[in-house]
Amino acid sequence: MLSALDDYIKVAVDIERGLLAGGGVMHAECERVLLDEGSLQEDVWGGDWLPQERLVRYASMINIRPLQGNRSTMVLDARIRASMEQIIMRMLGGS
């Protein structure tokens, strides 16, 4: 997954199904994979995984969701961020 951007991985996370898709140069590519596999749009959020720092960033254009109360590229809801982090750490963070 690091081949596209070298030092971080763009991810889309389905917080209901506990899945993620990663890699590529746009979050929308990851989002499309999840949607094609049955995820619901309102459950998929975008961010980045920085493996060297073991850090999650919560910003993506796919996060702009006025109807869900998220008017920013940043995931504003702390519960959604916590779900994203848990899934990303479980799937990409190692032990």
N, C-alpha and C. Protein backbone atom coordinates (compact mmCIF):
# COMPACT_ATOMS: atom_id res chain seq x y z
N MET A 1 0.80 -1.20 0.00
CA MET A 1 0.00 0.00 0.00
C MET A 1 0.84 1.27 0.00
N LEU A 2 2.07 1.17 0.46
CA LEU A 2 2.93 2.35 0.51
C LEU A 2 3.50 2.74 -0.85
N SER A 3 3.35 1.89 -1.84
CA SER A 3 3.98 2.17 -3.13
C SER A 3 3.47 3.45 -3.79
N ALA A 4 2.24 3.84 -3.53
CA ALA A 4 1.68 5.03 -4.18
C ALA A 4 2.25 6.33 -3.61
N LEU A 5 2.45 6.40 -2.29
CA LEU A 5 2.83 7.66 -1.67
C LEU A 5 4.08 7.59 -0.79
N ASP A 6 4.70 6.45 -0.71
CA ASP A 6 5.97 6.23 0.00
C ASP A 6 5.91 6.25 1.53
N ASP A 7 5.44 7.35 2.14
CA ASP A 7 5.54 7.43 3.60
C ASP A 7 4.20 7.42 4.34
N TYR A 8 3.10 7.38 3.61
CA TYR A 8 1.81 7.23 4.26
C TYR A 8 0.84 6.53 3.32
N ILE A 9 -0.27 6.07 3.89
CA ILE A 9 -1.27 5.31 3.13
C ILE A 9 -2.62 6.00 3.25
N LYS A 10 -3.22 6.30 2.13
CA LYS A 10 -4.59 6.82 2.14
C LYS A 10 -5.52 5.64 2.39
N VAL A 11 -6.48 5.85 3.30
CA VAL A 11 -7.43 4.79 3.62
C VAL A 11 -8.85 5.33 3.63
N ALA A 12 -9.78 4.43 3.37
CA ALA A 12 -11.19 4.66 3.62
C ALA A 12 -11.62 3.56 4.57
N VAL A 13 -12.37 3.94 5.61
CA VAL A 13 -12.72 3.01 6.68
C VAL A 13 -14.24 2.92 6.79
N ASP A 14 -14.75 1.70 6.76
CA ASP A 14 -16.16 1.47 7.02
C ASP A 14 -16.28 1.21 8.51
N ILE A 15 -16.79 2.19 9.25
CA ILE A 15 -16.82 2.10 10.70
C ILE A 15 -17.89 1.12 11.21
N GLU A 16 -18.85 0.78 10.39
CA GLU A 16 -19.88 -0.19 10.81
C GLU A 16 -19.43 -1.63 10.58
N ARG A 17 -18.78 -1.86 9.47
CA ARG A 17 -18.35 -3.22 9.12
C ARG A 17 -16.96 -3.56 9.64
N GLY A 18 -16.22 -2.54 10.11
CA GLY A 18 -14.89 -2.77 10.63
C GLY A 18 -13.87 -3.10 9.56
N LEU A 19 -14.04 -2.52 8.39
CA LEU A 19 -13.16 -2.79 7.24
C LEU A 19 -12.46 -1.53 6.79
N LEU A 20 -11.37 -1.72 6.06
CA LEU A 20 -10.75 -0.59 5.39
C LEU A 20 -10.21 -1.01 4.04
N ALA A 21 -10.07 -0.03 3.19
CA ALA A 21 -9.37 -0.19 1.91
C ALA A 21 -8.28 0.86 1.91
N GLY A 22 -7.10 0.51 1.42
CA GLY A 22 -6.00 1.46 1.45
C GLY A 22 -5.14 1.39 0.22
N GLY A 23 -4.37 2.46 0.02
CA GLY A 23 -3.47 2.56 -1.13
C GLY A 23 -4.04 3.53 -2.14
N GLY A 24 -3.29 3.75 -3.19
CA GLY A 24 -3.74 4.68 -4.22
C GLY A 24 -3.36 6.11 -3.88
N VAL A 25 -3.74 7.01 -4.76
CA VAL A 25 -3.38 8.41 -4.58
C VAL A 25 -4.57 9.27 -4.15
N MET A 26 -5.77 8.69 -4.15
CA MET A 26 -6.96 9.44 -3.73
C MET A 26 -7.80 8.58 -2.78
N HIS A 27 -8.34 9.23 -1.76
CA HIS A 27 -9.22 8.51 -0.84
C HIS A 27 -10.43 7.94 -1.58
N ALA A 28 -10.86 8.63 -2.62
CA ALA A 28 -12.04 8.19 -3.37
C ALA A 28 -11.83 6.81 -4.00
N GLU A 29 -10.59 6.48 -4.33
CA GLU A 29 -10.31 5.14 -4.87
C GLU A 29 -10.58 4.07 -3.81
N CYS A 30 -10.16 4.34 -2.60
CA CYS A 30 -10.39 3.40 -1.50
C CYS A 30 -11.88 3.32 -1.17
N GLU A 31 -12.51 4.48 -1.15
CA GLU A 31 -13.94 4.54 -0.89
C GLU A 31 -14.72 3.70 -1.91
N ARG A 32 -14.34 3.80 -3.18
CA ARG A 32 -15.02 3.06 -4.24
C ARG A 32 -14.93 1.56 -4.02
N VAL A 33 -13.78 1.07 -3.57
CA VAL A 33 -13.62 -0.36 -3.29
C VAL A 33 -14.62 -0.79 -2.22
N LEU A 34 -14.72 -0.03 -1.14
CA LEU A 34 -15.65 -0.40 -0.07
C LEU A 34 -17.10 -0.34 -0.54
N LEU A 35 -17.45 0.70 -1.28
CA LEU A 35 -18.82 0.82 -1.77
C LEU A 35 -19.16 -0.33 -2.71
N ASP A 36 -18.21 -0.70 -3.56
CA ASP A 36 -18.43 -1.83 -4.48
C ASP A 36 -18.60 -3.15 -3.73
N GLU A 37 -18.05 -3.22 -2.51
CA GLU A 37 -18.14 -4.44 -1.70
C GLU A 37 -19.30 -4.41 -0.72
N GLY A 38 -20.19 -3.41 -0.85
CA GLY A 38 -21.40 -3.40 -0.04
C GLY A 38 -21.45 -2.42 1.11
N SER A 39 -20.42 -1.61 1.29
CA SER A 39 -20.46 -0.61 2.35
C SER A 39 -21.47 0.48 2.01
N LEU A 40 -22.01 1.11 3.03
CA LEU A 40 -22.92 2.24 2.85
C LEU A 40 -22.12 3.53 2.92
N GLN A 41 -22.45 4.48 2.05
CA GLN A 41 -21.73 5.75 1.97
C GLN A 41 -21.59 6.41 3.34
N GLU A 42 -22.66 6.43 4.12
CA GLU A 42 -22.62 7.15 5.39
C GLU A 42 -21.70 6.51 6.42
N ASP A 43 -21.26 5.28 6.18
CA ASP A 43 -20.38 4.58 7.10
C ASP A 43 -18.90 4.66 6.72
N VAL A 44 -18.60 5.23 5.56
CA VAL A 44 -17.22 5.23 5.04
C VAL A 44 -16.60 6.61 5.23
N TRP A 45 -15.46 6.63 5.90
CA TRP A 45 -14.75 7.88 6.20
C TRP A 45 -13.29 7.75 5.77
N GLY A 46 -12.70 8.87 5.37
CA GLY A 46 -11.34 8.85 4.84
C GLY A 46 -10.31 9.43 5.79
N GLY A 47 -9.10 8.90 5.67
CA GLY A 47 -7.98 9.39 6.46
C GLY A 47 -6.68 8.84 5.93
N ASP A 48 -5.65 9.01 6.70
CA ASP A 48 -4.32 8.54 6.33
C ASP A 48 -3.71 7.77 7.49
N TRP A 49 -2.88 6.78 7.15
CA TRP A 49 -2.10 6.03 8.13
C TRP A 49 -0.64 6.32 7.87
N LEU A 50 0.05 6.83 8.88
CA LEU A 50 1.48 7.11 8.80
C LEU A 50 2.20 6.04 9.62
N PRO A 51 2.69 4.99 8.96
CA PRO A 51 3.24 3.85 9.70
C PRO A 51 4.49 4.19 10.52
N GLN A 52 5.34 5.06 10.04
CA GLN A 52 6.56 5.39 10.78
C GLN A 52 6.24 6.03 12.13
N GLU A 53 5.21 6.89 12.15
CA GLU A 53 4.81 7.57 13.38
C GLU A 53 3.70 6.84 14.13
N ARG A 54 3.13 5.79 13.48
CA ARG A 54 1.97 5.10 14.02
C ARG A 54 0.87 6.10 14.35
N LEU A 55 0.56 6.94 13.36
CA LEU A 55 -0.36 8.06 13.52
C LEU A 55 -1.47 8.00 12.48
N VAL A 56 -2.66 8.34 12.91
CA VAL A 56 -3.80 8.42 12.01
C VAL A 56 -4.14 9.89 11.80
N ARG A 57 -4.34 10.28 10.55
CA ARG A 57 -4.86 11.61 10.23
C ARG A 57 -6.28 11.42 9.73
N TYR A 58 -7.15 12.36 10.04
CA TYR A 58 -8.59 12.20 9.79
C TYR A 58 -9.13 13.18 8.76
N ALA A 59 -8.35 13.56 7.79
CA ALA A 59 -8.79 14.54 6.80
C ALA A 59 -8.87 13.91 5.41
N SER A 60 -9.96 14.22 4.71
CA SER A 60 -10.15 13.76 3.34
C SER A 60 -11.34 14.51 2.74
N MET A 61 -11.28 14.69 1.45
CA MET A 61 -12.42 15.31 0.75
C MET A 61 -13.69 14.46 0.88
N ILE A 62 -13.54 13.15 1.01
CA ILE A 62 -14.74 12.31 1.09
C ILE A 62 -15.47 12.49 2.42
N ASN A 63 -14.86 13.20 3.36
CA ASN A 63 -15.49 13.43 4.66
C ASN A 63 -16.43 14.62 4.68
N ILE A 64 -16.47 15.39 3.63
CA ILE A 64 -17.38 16.54 3.59
C ILE A 64 -18.79 16.00 3.42
N ARG A 65 -19.57 16.05 4.49
CA ARG A 65 -20.91 15.46 4.53
C ARG A 65 -21.87 16.39 5.28
N PRO A 66 -22.31 17.45 4.68
CA PRO A 66 -23.21 18.37 5.38
C PRO A 66 -24.46 17.69 5.95
N LEU A 67 -25.02 16.73 5.24
CA LEU A 67 -26.22 16.06 5.72
C LEU A 67 -25.96 15.20 6.95
N GLN A 68 -24.71 14.83 7.18
CA GLN A 68 -24.34 14.07 8.37
C GLN A 68 -23.69 14.98 9.43
N GLY A 69 -23.74 16.28 9.19
CA GLY A 69 -23.20 17.22 10.17
C GLY A 69 -21.70 17.41 10.10
N ASN A 70 -21.06 16.92 9.05
CA ASN A 70 -19.60 17.06 8.89
C ASN A 70 -19.34 17.97 7.70
N ARG A 71 -19.13 19.25 7.97
CA ARG A 71 -18.94 20.25 6.92
C ARG A 71 -17.46 20.53 6.65
N SER A 72 -16.61 19.63 7.05
CA SER A 72 -15.17 19.81 6.94
C SER A 72 -14.53 18.57 6.30
N THR A 73 -13.32 18.74 5.81
CA THR A 73 -12.57 17.56 5.35
C THR A 73 -12.13 16.73 6.55
N MET A 74 -12.04 17.35 7.72
CA MET A 74 -11.66 16.67 8.95
C MET A 74 -12.89 15.96 9.53
N VAL A 75 -12.70 14.73 10.01
CA VAL A 75 -13.77 14.04 10.71
C VAL A 75 -13.95 14.75 12.05
N LEU A 76 -15.11 15.35 12.26
CA LEU A 76 -15.34 16.17 13.44
C LEU A 76 -15.83 15.37 14.65
N ASP A 77 -16.51 14.29 14.42
CA ASP A 77 -17.10 13.49 15.50
C ASP A 77 -16.03 12.60 16.15
N ALA A 78 -15.81 12.81 17.45
CA ALA A 78 -14.78 12.06 18.16
C ALA A 78 -15.06 10.56 18.16
N ARG A 79 -16.32 10.16 18.16
CA ARG A 79 -16.65 8.72 18.15
C ARG A 79 -16.28 8.09 16.81
N ILE A 80 -16.49 8.82 15.73
CA ILE A 80 -16.10 8.30 14.41
C ILE A 80 -14.59 8.20 14.33
N ARG A 81 -13.88 9.22 14.80
CA ARG A 81 -12.41 9.18 14.80
C ARG A 81 -11.90 7.99 15.62
N ALA A 82 -12.50 7.76 16.78
CA ALA A 82 -12.08 6.63 17.62
C ALA A 82 -12.32 5.30 16.92
N SER A 83 -13.45 5.16 16.24
CA SER A 83 -13.73 3.94 15.48
C SER A 83 -12.73 3.75 14.36
N MET A 84 -12.45 4.83 13.65
CA MET A 84 -11.47 4.76 12.57
C MET A 84 -10.11 4.32 13.10
N GLU A 85 -9.67 4.95 14.18
CA GLU A 85 -8.36 4.62 14.74
C GLU A 85 -8.30 3.16 15.17
N GLN A 86 -9.33 2.67 15.82
CA GLN A 86 -9.35 1.29 16.27
C GLN A 86 -9.22 0.33 15.09
N ILE A 87 -9.97 0.58 14.02
CA ILE A 87 -9.93 -0.29 12.85
C ILE A 87 -8.57 -0.21 12.14
N ILE A 88 -8.06 1.00 11.97
CA ILE A 88 -6.78 1.17 11.30
C ILE A 88 -5.66 0.52 12.10
N MET A 89 -5.66 0.72 13.41
CA MET A 89 -4.61 0.11 14.25
C MET A 89 -4.71 -1.41 14.22
N ARG A 90 -5.91 -1.95 14.24
CA ARG A 90 -6.09 -3.41 14.21
C ARG A 90 -5.60 -3.97 12.90
N MET A 91 -5.88 -3.29 11.80
CA MET A 91 -5.57 -3.85 10.48
C MET A 91 -4.18 -3.46 9.96
N LEU A 92 -3.68 -2.31 10.34
CA LEU A 92 -2.40 -1.85 9.80
C LEU A 92 -1.33 -1.56 10.86
N GLY A 93 -1.75 -1.39 12.09
CA GLY A 93 -0.83 -0.93 13.13
C GLY A 93 0.08 -1.97 13.73
N GLY A 94 -0.24 -3.22 13.52
CA GLY A 94 0.58 -4.27 14.10
C GLY A 94 0.37 -4.35 15.61
N SER A 95 1.29 -5.00 16.26
CA SER A 95 1.14 -5.18 17.73
C SER A 95 1.75 -4.05 18.50
